[in-house]
Amino acid sequence: MSPEDKTSVKSELWLAAVLFAAGLVTIGLSLAELRAQSELEIAQATGTPGQPLQATPAPTPAPSDTPAESMPGGTRPTTPAPEPARPSEQAQKEGAKPALPPAPAEKMAPPIPEKK
């Protein structure tokens, strides 16, 4: 090994060590910032000292706005009935447009001749 090769290897090892140390510092700073953020969120969640926490009331569920639960082997629940993608006739008279374009007509090809 020539002296030039040794110096290039040493400089490359030095550069690798510096980059590795910079990576470790970056990781350490990121972890410290994450820890500080989580502590800040915990501090905000507890409220101000001396004041008791007030519970928020639970939301009341709507009686029939949600579909029924499906049962294995049962039929598909339809408790709000599925609505068509087209508006009612009255809405169409008032100018409402359908949400979907009309379905294209099926194309028919001539029958395939059978080879005998």
PDB file of N, CA and C in Angstrom:
ATOM      1  N   MET A   1       0.834  -1.161   0.000  1.00  0.00           N
ATOM      2  CA  MET A   1       0.000   0.000   0.000  1.00  0.00           C
ATOM      3  C   MET A   1       0.889   1.237   0.000  1.00  0.00           C
ATOM      4  N   SER A   2       0.583   2.130  -0.886  1.00  0.00           N
ATOM      5  CA  SER A   2       1.395   3.340  -0.977  1.00  0.00           C
ATOM      6  C   SER A   2       0.929   4.361   0.061  1.00  0.00           C
ATOM      7  N   PRO A   3       1.757   5.330   0.389  1.00  0.00           N
ATOM      8  CA  PRO A   3       1.377   6.338   1.383  1.00  0.00           C
ATOM      9  C   PRO A   3       0.151   7.151   0.948  1.00  0.00           C
ATOM     10  N   GLU A   4      -0.024   7.341  -0.372  1.00  0.00           N
ATOM     11  CA  GLU A   4      -1.188   8.091  -0.848  1.00  0.00           C
ATOM     12  C   GLU A   4      -2.480   7.338  -0.555  1.00  0.00           C
ATOM     13  N   ASP A   5      -2.437   6.004  -0.715  1.00  0.00           N
ATOM     14  CA  ASP A   5      -3.626   5.196  -0.424  1.00  0.00           C
ATOM     15  C   ASP A   5      -3.990   5.254   1.049  1.00  0.00           C
ATOM     16  N   LYS A   6      -2.960   5.254   1.926  1.00  0.00           N
ATOM     17  CA  LYS A   6      -3.229   5.307   3.366  1.00  0.00           C
ATOM     18  C   LYS A   6      -3.885   6.628   3.756  1.00  0.00           C
ATOM     19  N   THR A   7      -3.423   7.722   3.157  1.00  0.00           N
ATOM     20  CA  THR A   7      -4.007   9.015   3.513  1.00  0.00           C
ATOM     21  C   THR A   7      -5.437   9.123   2.992  1.00  0.00           C
ATOM     22  N   SER A   8      -5.710   8.574   1.804  1.00  0.00           N
ATOM     23  CA  SER A   8      -7.083   8.641   1.293  1.00  0.00           C
ATOM     24  C   SER A   8      -8.020   7.778   2.132  1.00  0.00           C
ATOM     25  N   VAL A   9      -7.544   6.610   2.587  1.00  0.00           N
ATOM     26  CA  VAL A   9      -8.362   5.753   3.437  1.00  0.00           C
ATOM     27  C   VAL A   9      -8.614   6.446   4.769  1.00  0.00           C
ATOM     28  N   LYS A  10      -7.576   7.096   5.337  1.00  0.00           N
ATOM     29  CA  LYS A  10      -7.748   7.791   6.616  1.00  0.00           C
ATOM     30  C   LYS A  10      -8.740   8.942   6.474  1.00  0.00           C
ATOM     31  N   SER A  11      -8.642   9.680   5.377  1.00  0.00           N
ATOM     32  CA  SER A  11      -9.561  10.802   5.206  1.00  0.00           C
ATOM     33  C   SER A  11     -10.994  10.306   4.997  1.00  0.00           C
ATOM     34  N   GLU A  12     -11.150   9.204   4.284  1.00  0.00           N
ATOM     35  CA  GLU A  12     -12.490   8.652   4.089  1.00  0.00           C
ATOM     36  C   GLU A  12     -13.062   8.111   5.396  1.00  0.00           C
ATOM     37  N   LEU A  13     -12.233   7.466   6.215  1.00  0.00           N
ATOM     38  CA  LEU A  13     -12.693   6.989   7.510  1.00  0.00           C
ATOM     39  C   LEU A  13     -13.064   8.157   8.427  1.00  0.00           C
ATOM     40  N   TRP A  14     -12.278   9.216   8.357  1.00  0.00           N
ATOM     41  CA  TRP A  14     -12.569  10.403   9.159  1.00  0.00           C
ATOM     42  C   TRP A  14     -13.918  11.008   8.735  1.00  0.00           C
ATOM     43  N   LEU A  15     -14.125  11.117   7.435  1.00  0.00           N
ATOM     44  CA  LEU A  15     -15.379  11.651   6.919  1.00  0.00           C
ATOM     45  C   LEU A  15     -16.555  10.766   7.346  1.00  0.00           C
ATOM     46  N   ALA A  16     -16.389   9.447   7.271  1.00  0.00           N
ATOM     47  CA  ALA A  16     -17.446   8.524   7.677  1.00  0.00           C
ATOM     48  C   ALA A  16     -17.759   8.684   9.165  1.00  0.00           C
ATOM     49  N   ALA A  17     -16.738   8.859   9.989  1.00  0.00           N
ATOM     50  CA  ALA A  17     -16.951   9.026  11.424  1.00  0.00           C
ATOM     51  C   ALA A  17     -17.691  10.333  11.713  1.00  0.00           C
ATOM     52  N   VAL A  18     -17.343  11.394  10.999  1.00  0.00           N
ATOM     53  CA  VAL A  18     -18.008  12.683  11.199  1.00  0.00           C
ATOM     54  C   VAL A  18     -19.476  12.584  10.779  1.00  0.00           C
ATOM     55  N   LEU A  19     -19.745  11.941   9.644  1.00  0.00           N
ATOM     56  CA  LEU A  19     -21.127  11.791   9.190  1.00  0.00           C
ATOM     57  C   LEU A  19     -21.939  10.922  10.150  1.00  0.00           C
ATOM     58  N   PHE A  20     -21.312   9.876  10.681  1.00  0.00           N
ATOM     59  CA  PHE A  20     -21.993   9.013  11.640  1.00  0.00           C
ATOM     60  C   PHE A  20     -22.332   9.789  12.908  1.00  0.00           C
ATOM     61  N   ALA A  21     -21.397  10.584  13.404  1.00  0.00           N
ATOM     62  CA  ALA A  21     -21.638  11.388  14.603  1.00  0.00           C
ATOM     63  C   ALA A  21     -22.738  12.414  14.349  1.00  0.00           C
ATOM     64  N   ALA A  22     -22.745  13.022  13.156  1.00  0.00           N
ATOM     65  CA  ALA A  22     -23.787  13.994  12.832  1.00  0.00           C
ATOM     66  C   ALA A  22     -25.159  13.309  12.807  1.00  0.00           C
ATOM     67  N   GLY A  23     -25.219  12.092  12.309  1.00  0.00           N
ATOM     68  CA  GLY A  23     -26.469  11.341  12.305  1.00  0.00           C
ATOM     69  C   GLY A  23     -26.954  11.044  13.712  1.00  0.00           C
ATOM     70  N   LEU A  24     -26.032  10.663  14.591  1.00  0.00           N
ATOM     71  CA  LEU A  24     -26.416  10.396  15.980  1.00  0.00           C
ATOM     72  C   LEU A  24     -26.918  11.664  16.672  1.00  0.00           C
ATOM     73  N   VAL A  25     -26.280  12.797  16.403  1.00  0.00           N
ATOM     74  CA  VAL A  25     -26.725  14.064  16.987  1.00  0.00           C
ATOM     75  C   VAL A  25     -28.119  14.409  16.483  1.00  0.00           C
ATOM     76  N   THR A  26     -28.358  14.210  15.194  1.00  0.00           N
ATOM     77  CA  THR A  26     -29.677  14.496  14.622  1.00  0.00           C
ATOM     78  C   THR A  26     -30.744  13.617  15.261  1.00  0.00           C
ATOM     79  N   ILE A  27     -30.448  12.347  15.436  1.00  0.00           N
ATOM     80  CA  ILE A  27     -31.401  11.432  16.074  1.00  0.00           C
ATOM     81  C   ILE A  27     -31.680  11.876  17.505  1.00  0.00           C
ATOM     82  N   GLY A  28     -30.641  12.236  18.233  1.00  0.00           N
ATOM     83  CA  GLY A  28     -30.817  12.681  19.612  1.00  0.00           C
ATOM     84  C   GLY A  28     -31.674  13.933  19.712  1.00  0.00           C
ATOM     85  N   LEU A  29     -31.426  14.900  18.843  1.00  0.00           N
ATOM     86  CA  LEU A  29     -32.230  16.123  18.852  1.00  0.00           C
ATOM     87  C   LEU A  29     -33.676  15.841  18.498  1.00  0.00           C
ATOM     88  N   SER A  30     -33.907  14.961  17.534  1.00  0.00           N
ATOM     89  CA  SER A  30     -35.279  14.613  17.143  1.00  0.00           C
ATOM     90  C   SER A  30     -36.019  13.932  18.288  1.00  0.00           C
ATOM     91  N   LEU A  31     -35.358  13.005  18.963  1.00  0.00           N
ATOM     92  CA  LEU A  31     -35.995  12.328  20.088  1.00  0.00           C
ATOM     93  C   LEU A  31     -36.296  13.299  21.226  1.00  0.00           C
ATOM     94  N   ALA A  32     -35.387  14.241  21.473  1.00  0.00           N
ATOM     95  CA  ALA A  32     -35.629  15.235  22.520  1.00  0.00           C
ATOM     96  C   ALA A  32     -36.831  16.108  22.164  1.00  0.00           C
ATOM     97  N   GLU A  33     -36.949  16.482  20.899  1.00  0.00           N
ATOM     98  CA  GLU A  33     -38.085  17.302  20.478  1.00  0.00           C
ATOM     99  C   GLU A  33     -39.395  16.523  20.603  1.00  0.00           C
ATOM    100  N   LEU A  34     -39.385  15.247  20.221  1.00  0.00           N
ATOM    101  CA  LEU A  34     -40.589  14.424  20.355  1.00  0.00           C
ATOM    102  C   LEU A  34     -40.996  14.281  21.816  1.00  0.00           C
ATOM    103  N   ARG A  35     -40.019  14.091  22.686  1.00  0.00           N
ATOM    104  CA  ARG A  35     -40.333  13.955  24.110  1.00  0.00           C
ATOM    105  C   ARG A  35     -40.919  15.257  24.649  1.00  0.00           C
ATOM    106  N   ALA A  36     -40.356  16.394  24.238  1.00  0.00           N
ATOM    107  CA  ALA A  36     -40.871  17.684  24.698  1.00  0.00           C
ATOM    108  C   ALA A  36     -42.293  17.909  24.192  1.00  0.00           C
ATOM    109  N   GLN A  37     -42.570  17.508  22.962  1.00  0.00           N
ATOM    110  CA  GLN A  37     -43.923  17.653  22.413  1.00  0.00           C
ATOM    111  C   GLN A  37     -44.918  16.799  23.181  1.00  0.00           C
ATOM    112  N   SER A  38     -44.551  15.553  23.479  1.00  0.00           N
ATOM    113  CA  SER A  38     -45.481  14.673  24.188  1.00  0.00           C
ATOM    114  C   SER A  38     -45.732  15.192  25.600  1.00  0.00           C
ATOM    115  N   GLU A  39     -44.711  15.753  26.255  1.00  0.00           N
ATOM    116  CA  GLU A  39     -44.909  16.313  27.586  1.00  0.00           C
ATOM    117  C   GLU A  39     -45.807  17.545  27.512  1.00  0.00           C
ATOM    118  N   LEU A  40     -45.665  18.328  26.465  1.00  0.00           N
ATOM    119  CA  LEU A  40     -46.506  19.511  26.295  1.00  0.00           C
ATOM    120  C   LEU A  40     -47.959  19.093  26.088  1.00  0.00           C
ATOM    121  N   GLU A  41     -48.191  18.046  25.282  1.00  0.00           N
ATOM    122  CA  GLU A  41     -49.552  17.569  25.054  1.00  0.00           C
ATOM    123  C   GLU A  41     -50.158  17.030  26.340  1.00  0.00           C
ATOM    124  N   ILE A  42     -49.369  16.346  27.152  1.00  0.00           N
ATOM    125  CA  ILE A  42     -49.867  15.820  28.419  1.00  0.00           C
ATOM    126  C   ILE A  42     -50.201  16.986  29.344  1.00  0.00           C
ATOM    127  N   ALA A  43     -49.352  18.006  29.363  1.00  0.00           N
ATOM    128  CA  ALA A  43     -49.605  19.158  30.218  1.00  0.00           C
ATOM    129  C   ALA A  43     -50.862  19.894  29.778  1.00  0.00           C
ATOM    130  N   GLN A  44     -51.103  19.991  28.505  1.00  0.00           N
ATOM    131  CA  GLN A  44     -52.304  20.659  28.024  1.00  0.00           C
ATOM    132  C   GLN A  44     -53.543  19.836  28.333  1.00  0.00           C
ATOM    133  N   ALA A  45     -53.427  18.532  28.343  1.00  0.00           N
ATOM    134  CA  ALA A  45     -54.580  17.671  28.575  1.00  0.00           C
ATOM    135  C   ALA A  45     -55.046  17.740  30.023  1.00  0.00           C
ATOM    136  N   THR A  46     -54.145  18.027  30.952  1.00  0.00           N
ATOM    137  CA  THR A  46     -54.539  18.039  32.357  1.00  0.00           C
ATOM    138  C   THR A  46     -55.210  19.330  32.762  1.00  0.00           C
ATOM    139  N   GLY A  47     -55.114  20.389  31.978  1.00  0.00           N
ATOM    140  CA  GLY A  47     -55.766  21.649  32.303  1.00  0.00           C
ATOM    141  C   GLY A  47     -54.906  22.500  33.221  1.00  0.00           C
ATOM    142  N   THR A  48     -55.478  23.561  33.711  1.00  0.00           N
ATOM    143  CA  THR A  48     -54.726  24.453  34.579  1.00  0.00           C
ATOM    144  C   THR A  48     -54.814  23.940  36.007  1.00  0.00           C
ATOM    145  N   PRO A  49     -53.756  24.161  36.799  1.00  0.00           N
ATOM    146  CA  PRO A  49     -53.780  23.668  38.184  1.00  0.00           C
ATOM    147  C   PRO A  49     -54.855  24.382  38.993  1.00  0.00           C
ATOM    148  N   GLY A  50     -55.480  23.652  39.891  1.00  0.00           N
ATOM    149  CA  GLY A  50     -56.484  24.234  40.762  1.00  0.00           C
ATOM    150  C   GLY A  50     -57.892  24.140  40.217  1.00  0.00           C
ATOM    151  N   GLN A  51     -58.048  23.868  38.947  1.00  0.00           N
ATOM    152  CA  GLN A  51     -59.384  23.761  38.377  1.00  0.00           C
ATOM    153  C   GLN A  51     -59.686  22.291  38.100  1.00  0.00           C
ATOM    154  N   PRO A  52     -60.837  21.811  38.534  1.00  0.00           N
ATOM    155  CA  PRO A  52     -61.172  20.409  38.242  1.00  0.00           C
ATOM    156  C   PRO A  52     -61.533  20.244  36.766  1.00  0.00           C
ATOM    157  N   LEU A  53     -61.271  19.066  36.272  1.00  0.00           N
ATOM    158  CA  LEU A  53     -61.621  18.769  34.884  1.00  0.00           C
ATOM    159  C   LEU A  53     -63.121  18.568  34.772  1.00  0.00           C
ATOM    160  N   GLN A  54     -63.700  19.058  33.701  1.00  0.00           N
ATOM    161  CA  GLN A  54     -65.116  18.864  33.460  1.00  0.00           C
ATOM    162  C   GLN A  54     -65.283  17.844  32.349  1.00  0.00           C
ATOM    163  N   ALA A  55     -66.119  16.869  32.610  1.00  0.00           N
ATOM    164  CA  ALA A  55     -66.345  15.830  31.614  1.00  0.00           C
ATOM    165  C   ALA A  55     -67.251  16.374  30.516  1.00  0.00           C
ATOM    166  N   THR A  56     -66.948  16.010  29.294  1.00  0.00           N
ATOM    167  CA  THR A  56     -67.810  16.411  28.189  1.00  0.00           C
ATOM    168  C   THR A  56     -68.945  15.401  28.083  1.00  0.00           C
ATOM    169  N   PRO A  57     -70.157  15.859  27.813  1.00  0.00           N
ATOM    170  CA  PRO A  57     -71.271  14.913  27.716  1.00  0.00           C
ATOM    171  C   PRO A  57     -71.093  14.001  26.500  1.00  0.00           C
ATOM    172  N   ALA A  58     -71.521  12.769  26.664  1.00  0.00           N
ATOM    173  CA  ALA A  58     -71.423  11.801  25.575  1.00  0.00           C
ATOM    174  C   ALA A  58     -72.448  12.157  24.500  1.00  0.00           C
ATOM    175  N   PRO A  59     -72.064  12.045  23.223  1.00  0.00           N
ATOM    176  CA  PRO A  59     -73.031  12.351  22.171  1.00  0.00           C
ATOM    177  C   PRO A  59     -74.147  11.318  22.146  1.00  0.00           C
ATOM    178  N   THR A  60     -75.354  11.790  21.900  1.00  0.00           N
ATOM    179  CA  THR A  60     -76.483  10.864  21.833  1.00  0.00           C
ATOM    180  C   THR A  60     -76.577  10.296  20.422  1.00  0.00           C
ATOM    181  N   PRO A  61     -76.667   8.990  20.302  1.00  0.00           N
ATOM    182  CA  PRO A  61     -76.735   8.400  18.960  1.00  0.00           C
ATOM    183  C   PRO A  61     -78.097   8.657  18.317  1.00  0.00           C
ATOM    184  N   ALA A  62     -78.077   8.847  17.018  1.00  0.00           N
ATOM    185  CA  ALA A  62     -79.331   9.030  16.273  1.00  0.00           C
ATOM    186  C   ALA A  62     -80.059   7.688  16.234  1.00  0.00           C
ATOM    187  N   PRO A  63     -81.373   7.681  16.388  1.00  0.00           N
ATOM    188  CA  PRO A  63     -82.087   6.413  16.523  1.00  0.00           C
ATOM    189  C   PRO A  63     -82.040   5.525  15.285  1.00  0.00           C
ATOM    190  N   SER A  64     -82.268   6.054  14.093  1.00  0.00           N
ATOM    191  CA  SER A  64     -82.344   5.162  12.941  1.00  0.00           C
ATOM    192  C   SER A  64     -81.557   5.675  11.742  1.00  0.00           C
ATOM    193  N   ASP A  65     -80.595   6.558  11.979  1.00  0.00           N
ATOM    194  CA  ASP A  65     -79.813   7.085  10.856  1.00  0.00           C
ATOM    195  C   ASP A  65     -78.711   6.129  10.406  1.00  0.00           C
ATOM    196  N   THR A  66     -78.352   5.199  11.240  1.00  0.00           N
ATOM    197  CA  THR A  66     -77.274   4.278  10.887  1.00  0.00           C
ATOM    198  C   THR A  66     -77.854   2.961  10.400  1.00  0.00           C
ATOM    199  N   PRO A  67     -77.157   2.268   9.518  1.00  0.00           N
ATOM    200  CA  PRO A  67     -77.674   0.978   9.035  1.00  0.00           C
ATOM    201  C   PRO A  67     -77.629  -0.075  10.133  1.00  0.00           C
ATOM    202  N   ALA A  68     -78.459  -1.071   9.984  1.00  0.00           N
ATOM    203  CA  ALA A  68     -78.518  -2.154  10.962  1.00  0.00           C
ATOM    204  C   ALA A  68     -77.251  -2.995  10.869  1.00  0.00           C
ATOM    205  N   GLU A  69     -76.926  -3.648  11.963  1.00  0.00           N
ATOM    206  CA  GLU A  69     -75.753  -4.511  11.993  1.00  0.00           C
ATOM    207  C   GLU A  69     -76.014  -5.753  11.153  1.00  0.00           C
ATOM    208  N   SER A  70     -75.005  -6.176  10.410  1.00  0.00           N
ATOM    209  CA  SER A  70     -75.182  -7.377   9.606  1.00  0.00           C
ATOM    210  C   SER A  70     -74.865  -8.605  10.450  1.00  0.00           C
ATOM    211  N   MET A  71     -75.548  -9.669  10.151  1.00  0.00           N
ATOM    212  CA  MET A  71     -75.337 -10.915  10.865  1.00  0.00           C
ATOM    213  C   MET A  71     -74.782 -11.934   9.885  1.00  0.00           C
ATOM    214  N   PRO A  72     -73.881 -12.804  10.349  1.00  0.00           N
ATOM    215  CA  PRO A  72     -73.336 -13.817   9.448  1.00  0.00           C
ATOM    216  C   PRO A  72     -74.446 -14.700   8.894  1.00  0.00           C
ATOM    217  N   GLY A  73     -74.476 -14.851   7.603  1.00  0.00           N
ATOM    218  CA  GLY A  73     -75.468 -15.695   6.951  1.00  0.00           C
ATOM    219  C   GLY A  73     -76.804 -15.024   6.784  1.00  0.00           C
ATOM    220  N   GLY A  74     -76.942 -13.811   7.267  1.00  0.00           N
ATOM    221  CA  GLY A  74     -78.212 -13.119   7.158  1.00  0.00           C
ATOM    222  C   GLY A  74     -78.301 -12.323   5.863  1.00  0.00           C
ATOM    223  N   THR A  75     -79.382 -11.588   5.749  1.00  0.00           N
ATOM    224  CA  THR A  75     -79.550 -10.758   4.566  1.00  0.00           C
ATOM    225  C   THR A  75     -78.895  -9.410   4.795  1.00  0.00           C
ATOM    226  N   ARG A  76     -78.720  -8.691   3.733  1.00  0.00           N
ATOM    227  CA  ARG A  76     -78.079  -7.385   3.808  1.00  0.00           C
ATOM    228  C   ARG A  76     -79.022  -6.394   4.495  1.00  0.00           C
ATOM    229  N   PRO A  77     -78.510  -5.654   5.502  1.00  0.00           N
ATOM    230  CA  PRO A  77     -79.385  -4.707   6.182  1.00  0.00           C
ATOM    231  C   PRO A  77     -79.707  -3.518   5.286  1.00  0.00           C
ATOM    232  N   THR A  78     -80.942  -3.067   5.349  1.00  0.00           N
ATOM    233  CA  THR A  78     -81.356  -1.920   4.537  1.00  0.00           C
ATOM    234  C   THR A  78     -82.175  -0.955   5.373  1.00  0.00           C
ATOM    235  N   THR A  79     -81.758  -0.686   6.609  1.00  0.00           N
ATOM    236  CA  THR A  79     -82.583   0.191   7.419  1.00  0.00           C
ATOM    237  C   THR A  79     -82.534   1.646   7.021  1.00  0.00           C
ATOM    238  N   PRO A  80     -81.539   2.321   6.582  1.00  0.00           N
ATOM    239  CA  PRO A  80     -81.976   3.372   5.696  1.00  0.00           C
ATOM    240  C   PRO A  80     -81.966   2.742   4.319  1.00  0.00           C
ATOM    241  N   ALA A  81     -83.072   2.834   3.656  1.00  0.00           N
ATOM    242  CA  ALA A  81     -83.188   2.207   2.345  1.00  0.00           C
ATOM    243  C   ALA A  81     -82.206   2.854   1.377  1.00  0.00           C
ATOM    244  N   PRO A  82     -81.595   2.064   0.495  1.00  0.00           N
ATOM    245  CA  PRO A  82     -80.686   2.647  -0.470  1.00  0.00           C
ATOM    246  C   PRO A  82     -81.435   3.613  -1.384  1.00  0.00           C
ATOM    247  N   GLU A  83     -80.810   4.731  -1.643  1.00  0.00           N
ATOM    248  CA  GLU A  83     -81.454   5.726  -2.489  1.00  0.00           C
ATOM    249  C   GLU A  83     -80.857   5.670  -3.888  1.00  0.00           C
ATOM    250  N   PRO A  84     -81.672   5.911  -4.903  1.00  0.00           N
ATOM    251  CA  PRO A  84     -81.146   5.885  -6.265  1.00  0.00           C
ATOM    252  C   PRO A  84     -80.237   7.088  -6.527  1.00  0.00           C
ATOM    253  N   ALA A  85     -79.420   6.965  -7.536  1.00  0.00           N
ATOM    254  CA  ALA A  85     -78.511   8.055  -7.894  1.00  0.00           C
ATOM    255  C   ALA A  85     -79.219   9.124  -8.696  1.00  0.00           C
ATOM    256  N   ARG A  86     -80.483   8.905  -9.001  1.00  0.00           N
ATOM    257  CA  ARG A  86     -81.243   9.874  -9.790  1.00  0.00           C
ATOM    258  C   ARG A  86     -82.221  10.626  -8.886  1.00  0.00           C
ATOM    259  N   PRO A  87     -82.415  11.924  -9.130  1.00  0.00           N
ATOM    260  CA  PRO A  87     -83.372  12.673  -8.313  1.00  0.00           C
ATOM    261  C   PRO A  87     -84.805  12.283  -8.647  1.00  0.00           C
ATOM    262  N   SER A  88     -85.709  12.625  -7.762  1.00  0.00           N
ATOM    263  CA  SER A  88     -87.117  12.304  -7.985  1.00  0.00           C
ATOM    264  C   SER A  88     -87.643  13.099  -9.179  1.00  0.00           C
ATOM    265  N   GLU A  89     -88.822  12.703  -9.650  1.00  0.00           N
ATOM    266  CA  GLU A  89     -89.397  13.384 -10.822  1.00  0.00           C
ATOM    267  C   GLU A  89     -89.667  14.848 -10.519  1.00  0.00           C
ATOM    268  N   GLN A  90     -90.109  15.133  -9.313  1.00  0.00           N
ATOM    269  CA  GLN A  90     -90.388  16.523  -8.943  1.00  0.00           C
ATOM    270  C   GLN A  90     -89.087  17.333  -8.974  1.00  0.00           C
ATOM    271  N   ALA A  91     -88.001  16.765  -8.442  1.00  0.00           N
ATOM    272  CA  ALA A  91     -86.726  17.483  -8.437  1.00  0.00           C
ATOM    273  C   ALA A  91     -86.202  17.675  -9.852  1.00  0.00           C
ATOM    274  N   GLN A  92     -86.455  16.684 -10.738  1.00  0.00           N
ATOM    275  CA  GLN A  92     -86.018  16.824 -12.122  1.00  0.00           C
ATOM    276  C   GLN A  92     -86.786  17.940 -12.811  1.00  0.00           C
ATOM    277  N   LYS A  93     -88.069  18.088 -12.487  1.00  0.00           N
ATOM    278  CA  LYS A  93     -88.851  19.171 -13.077  1.00  0.00           C
ATOM    279  C   LYS A  93     -88.322  20.527 -12.630  1.00  0.00           C
ATOM    280  N   GLU A  94     -87.786  20.572 -11.391  1.00  0.00           N
ATOM    281  CA  GLU A  94     -87.252  21.826 -10.869  1.00  0.00           C
ATOM    282  C   GLU A  94     -85.844  22.112 -11.380  1.00  0.00           C
ATOM    283  N   GLY A  95     -85.239  21.175 -12.083  1.00  0.00           N
ATOM    284  CA  GLY A  95     -83.938  21.413 -12.692  1.00  0.00           C
ATOM    285  C   GLY A  95     -82.784  20.637 -12.093  1.00  0.00           C
ATOM    286  N   ALA A  96     -83.044  19.713 -11.189  1.00  0.00           N
ATOM    287  CA  ALA A  96     -81.965  18.924 -10.602  1.00  0.00           C
ATOM    288  C   ALA A  96     -81.440  17.940 -11.640  1.00  0.00           C
ATOM    289  N   LYS A  97     -80.128  17.782 -11.669  1.00  0.00           N
ATOM    290  CA  LYS A  97     -79.512  16.850 -12.619  1.00  0.00           C
ATOM    291  C   LYS A  97     -79.136  15.562 -11.897  1.00  0.00           C
ATOM    292  N   PRO A  98     -79.145  14.425 -12.603  1.00  0.00           N
ATOM    293  CA  PRO A  98     -78.761  13.163 -11.968  1.00  0.00           C
ATOM    294  C   PRO A  98     -77.287  13.188 -11.567  1.00  0.00           C
ATOM    295  N   ALA A  99     -76.964  12.452 -10.498  1.00  0.00           N
ATOM    296  CA  ALA A  99     -75.588  12.372 -10.043  1.00  0.00           C
ATOM    297  C   ALA A  99     -74.731  11.558 -11.006  1.00  0.00           C
ATOM    298  N   LEU A 100     -75.349  10.597 -11.687  1.00  0.00           N
ATOM    299  CA  LEU A 100     -74.624   9.742 -12.623  1.00  0.00           C
ATOM    300  C   LEU A 100     -75.207   9.910 -14.011  1.00  0.00           C
ATOM    301  N   PRO A 101     -74.375   9.786 -15.045  1.00  0.00           N
ATOM    302  CA  PRO A 101     -74.921   9.841 -16.396  1.00  0.00           C
ATOM    303  C   PRO A 101     -75.729   8.572 -16.674  1.00  0.00           C
ATOM    304  N   PRO A 102     -76.594   8.621 -17.674  1.00  0.00           N
ATOM    305  CA  PRO A 102     -77.362   7.410 -17.968  1.00  0.00           C
ATOM    306  C   PRO A 102     -76.442   6.271 -18.403  1.00  0.00           C
ATOM    307  N   ALA A 103     -76.836   5.073 -18.076  1.00  0.00           N
ATOM    308  CA  ALA A 103     -76.020   3.912 -18.419  1.00  0.00           C
ATOM    309  C   ALA A 103     -76.004   3.729 -19.930  1.00  0.00           C
ATOM    310  N   PRO A 104     -74.855   3.353 -20.499  1.00  0.00           N
ATOM    311  CA  PRO A 104     -74.797   3.149 -21.945  1.00  0.00           C
ATOM    312  C   PRO A 104     -75.588   1.906 -22.345  1.00  0.00           C
ATOM    313  N   ALA A 105     -76.135   1.948 -23.550  1.00  0.00           N
ATOM    314  CA  ALA A 105     -76.877   0.790 -24.050  1.00  0.00           C
ATOM    315  C   ALA A 105     -75.903  -0.350 -24.311  1.00  0.00           C
ATOM    316  N   GLU A 106     -76.364  -1.564 -24.070  1.00  0.00           N
ATOM    317  CA  GLU A 106     -75.481  -2.702 -24.308  1.00  0.00           C
ATOM    318  C   GLU A 106     -75.275  -2.883 -25.805  1.00  0.00           C
ATOM    319  N   LYS A 107     -74.070  -3.233 -26.154  1.00  0.00           N
ATOM    320  CA  LYS A 107     -73.747  -3.426 -27.570  1.00  0.00           C
ATOM    321  C   LYS A 107     -73.914  -4.899 -27.912  1.00  0.00           C
ATOM    322  N   MET A 108     -74.528  -5.126 -29.054  1.00  0.00           N
ATOM    323  CA  MET A 108     -74.731  -6.500 -29.507  1.00  0.00           C
ATOM    324  C   MET A 108     -73.884  -6.723 -30.748  1.00  0.00           C
ATOM    325  N   ALA A 109     -73.195  -7.832 -30.788  1.00  0.00           N
ATOM    326  CA  ALA A 109     -72.407  -8.189 -31.958  1.00  0.00           C
ATOM    327  C   ALA A 109     -73.116  -9.317 -32.696  1.00  0.00           C
ATOM    328  N   PRO A 110     -72.824  -9.476 -33.968  1.00  0.00           N
ATOM    329  CA  PRO A 110     -73.430 -10.595 -34.676  1.00  0.00           C
ATOM    330  C   PRO A 110     -72.937 -11.909 -34.067  1.00  0.00           C
ATOM    331  N   PRO A 111     -73.736 -12.968 -34.150  1.00  0.00           N
ATOM    332  CA  PRO A 111     -73.316 -14.235 -33.559  1.00  0.00           C
ATOM    333  C   PRO A 111     -72.052 -14.772 -34.228  1.00  0.00           C
ATOM    334  N   ILE A 112     -71.272 -15.456 -33.442  1.00  0.00           N
ATOM    335  CA  ILE A 112     -70.022 -16.039 -33.959  1.00  0.00           C
ATOM    336  C   ILE A 112     -70.379 -17.304 -34.742  1.00  0.00           C
ATOM    337  N   PRO A 113     -69.949 -17.375 -36.001  1.00  0.00           N
ATOM    338  CA  PRO A 113     -70.273 -18.578 -36.783  1.00  0.00           C
ATOM    339  C   PRO A 113     -69.489 -19.779 -36.248  1.00  0.00           C
ATOM    340  N   GLU A 114     -70.183 -20.907 -36.204  1.00  0.00           N
ATOM    341  CA  GLU A 114     -69.523 -22.121 -35.728  1.00  0.00           C
ATOM    342  C   GLU A 114     -68.833 -22.825 -36.892  1.00  0.00           C
ATOM    343  N   LYS A 115     -67.644 -23.304 -36.664  1.00  0.00           N
ATOM    344  CA  LYS A 115     -66.912 -24.040 -37.690  1.00  0.00           C
ATOM    345  C   LYS A 115     -67.328 -25.491 -37.656  1.00  0.00           C
ATOM    346  N   LYS A 116     -67.520 -26.042 -38.860  1.00  0.00           N
ATOM    347  CA  LYS A 116     -67.939 -27.441 -38.934  1.00  0.00           C
ATOM    348  C   LYS A 116     -66.843 -28.311 -39.418  1.00  0.00           C
TER     349      LYS A 116
END
